[in-house]
C-alpha cells in the first residue's frame, strides 16, 4: 500500500482508495480526488508539507496528513 504522501515528484499515479471518514473524506472528494482519477505530483515542499498535485486539469495543494489518507498505485 502506497499513499500520495510517499509518491515522488514528477510521478503520475491513480487513486485506489480514500481512507478517513466523515468531513475529511468528503472534503478530499469535493476537491476532485476520487477513486480511479489520475494525480500528477508536481512539487513537495522541503519539509513535506504541502504536496502540490495536478488533478482533473487544475492544481491543488494538500496537507501531508490529507495526502496520507489517499492510497495510490
C-alpha atoms as a PDB file:
ATOM      1  CA  UNK A   1       0.000   0.000   0.000  1.00  0.00           C
ATOM      2  CA  UNK A   2       1.452   3.361  -1.067  1.00  0.00           C
ATOM      3  CA  UNK A   3      -0.002   6.746  -0.236  1.00  0.00           C
ATOM      4  CA  UNK A   4       0.076  10.004  -2.156  1.00  0.00           C
ATOM      5  CA  UNK A   5       2.388  11.353   0.560  1.00  0.00           C
ATOM      6  CA  UNK A   6       5.059   8.747  -0.354  1.00  0.00           C
ATOM      7  CA  UNK A   7       4.848   9.392  -4.113  1.00  0.00           C
ATOM      8  CA  UNK A   8       7.959  11.098  -5.553  1.00  0.00           C
ATOM      9  CA  UNK A   9       7.808  14.372  -7.525  1.00  0.00           C
ATOM     10  CA  UNK A  10       7.123  14.013 -11.230  1.00  0.00           C
ATOM     11  CA  UNK A  11       5.084  10.826 -10.845  1.00  0.00           C
ATOM     12  CA  UNK A  12       1.573  10.231 -12.115  1.00  0.00           C
ATOM     13  CA  UNK A  13      -0.470   7.787 -10.036  1.00  0.00           C
ATOM     14  CA  UNK A  14      -4.038   6.502  -9.935  1.00  0.00           C
ATOM     15  CA  UNK A  15      -6.150   6.824  -6.789  1.00  0.00           C
ATOM     16  CA  UNK A  16      -7.015   3.379  -5.485  1.00  0.00           C
ATOM     17  CA  UNK A  17      -8.823   4.153  -2.226  1.00  0.00           C
ATOM     18  CA  UNK A  18      -9.664   7.038   0.109  1.00  0.00           C
ATOM     19  CA  UNK A  19      -9.219   6.377   3.806  1.00  0.00           C
ATOM     20  CA  UNK A  20     -10.555   8.573   6.568  1.00  0.00           C
ATOM     21  CA  UNK A  21     -14.178   9.285   7.260  1.00  0.00           C
ATOM     22  CA  UNK A  22     -16.785  11.979   7.570  1.00  0.00           C
ATOM     23  CA  UNK A  23     -15.884  15.571   6.791  1.00  0.00           C
ATOM     24  CA  UNK A  24     -12.240  14.868   5.914  1.00  0.00           C
ATOM     25  CA  UNK A  25     -13.108  12.254   3.280  1.00  0.00           C
ATOM     26  CA  UNK A  26     -15.921  14.443   1.928  1.00  0.00           C
ATOM     27  CA  UNK A  27     -13.536  17.421   1.566  1.00  0.00           C
ATOM     28  CA  UNK A  28     -10.973  15.336  -0.345  1.00  0.00           C
ATOM     29  CA  UNK A  29     -13.714  14.054  -2.668  1.00  0.00           C
ATOM     30  CA  UNK A  30     -15.039  17.600  -3.163  1.00  0.00           C
ATOM     31  CA  UNK A  31     -11.561  18.596  -4.397  1.00  0.00           C
ATOM     32  CA  UNK A  32     -11.955  16.082  -7.234  1.00  0.00           C
ATOM     33  CA  UNK A  33      -9.834  13.302  -5.771  1.00  0.00           C
ATOM     34  CA  UNK A  34     -11.940  10.174  -6.212  1.00  0.00           C
ATOM     35  CA  UNK A  35     -11.225   6.505  -6.900  1.00  0.00           C
ATOM     36  CA  UNK A  36      -9.742   5.915 -10.356  1.00  0.00           C
ATOM     37  CA  UNK A  37      -8.652   9.508 -11.059  1.00  0.00           C
ATOM     38  CA  UNK A  38      -5.063  10.268 -12.179  1.00  0.00           C
ATOM     39  CA  UNK A  39      -2.972  12.526  -9.949  1.00  0.00           C
ATOM     40  CA  UNK A  40       0.334  14.107 -11.021  1.00  0.00           C
ATOM     41  CA  UNK A  41       2.660  15.071  -8.146  1.00  0.00           C
ATOM     42  CA  UNK A  42       4.162  18.460  -9.111  1.00  0.00           C
ATOM     43  CA  UNK A  43       6.113  19.507  -6.014  1.00  0.00           C
ATOM     44  CA  UNK A  44       6.706  18.552  -2.414  1.00  0.00           C
ATOM     45  CA  UNK A  45       7.747  21.335  -0.032  1.00  0.00           C
ATOM     46  CA  UNK A  46      11.113  20.876   1.742  1.00  0.00           C
ATOM     47  CA  UNK A  47       9.514  19.692   4.976  1.00  0.00           C
ATOM     48  CA  UNK A  48       6.932  17.609   3.113  1.00  0.00           C
ATOM     49  CA  UNK A  49       4.009  19.956   3.727  1.00  0.00           C
ATOM     50  CA  UNK A  50       2.181  20.811   1.477  1.00  0.00           C
ATOM     51  CA  UNK A  51       2.211  18.473  -1.516  1.00  0.00           C
ATOM     52  CA  UNK A  52       1.326  20.165  -4.825  1.00  0.00           C
ATOM     53  CA  UNK A  53      -0.617  17.996  -7.276  1.00  0.00           C
ATOM     54  CA  UNK A  54      -2.493  18.348 -10.558  1.00  0.00           C
ATOM     55  CA  UNK A  55      -5.928  16.684 -10.611  1.00  0.00           C
ATOM     56  CA  UNK A  56      -8.515  16.886 -13.410  1.00  0.00           C
ATOM     57  CA  UNK A  57      -6.607  19.758 -15.039  1.00  0.00           C
ATOM     58  CA  UNK A  58      -6.203  22.016 -12.017  1.00  0.00           C
ATOM     59  CA  UNK A  59      -3.515  22.500  -9.393  1.00  0.00           C
ATOM     60  CA  UNK A  60      -4.120  21.679  -5.774  1.00  0.00           C
ATOM     61  CA  UNK A  61      -2.112  21.800  -2.548  1.00  0.00           C
ATOM     62  CA  UNK A  62      -2.725  19.092   0.035  1.00  0.00           C
ATOM     63  CA  UNK A  63      -1.603  18.899   3.635  1.00  0.00           C
ATOM     64  CA  UNK A  64       0.574  15.894   4.337  1.00  0.00           C
ATOM     65  CA  UNK A  65      -1.973  14.359   6.733  1.00  0.00           C
ATOM     66  CA  UNK A  66      -4.584  14.533   3.938  1.00  0.00           C
ATOM     67  CA  UNK A  67      -2.132  13.042   1.412  1.00  0.00           C
ATOM     68  CA  UNK A  68      -1.571  10.106   3.795  1.00  0.00           C
ATOM     69  CA  UNK A  69      -5.275   9.210   3.520  1.00  0.00           C
ATOM     70  CA  UNK A  70      -5.089   8.711  -0.275  1.00  0.00           C
ATOM     71  CA  UNK A  71      -3.935   5.243  -1.394  1.00  0.00           C
ATOM     72  CA  UNK A  72      -2.459   5.164  -4.903  1.00  0.00           C
ATOM     73  CA  UNK A  73      -0.986   2.724  -7.411  1.00  0.00           C
END
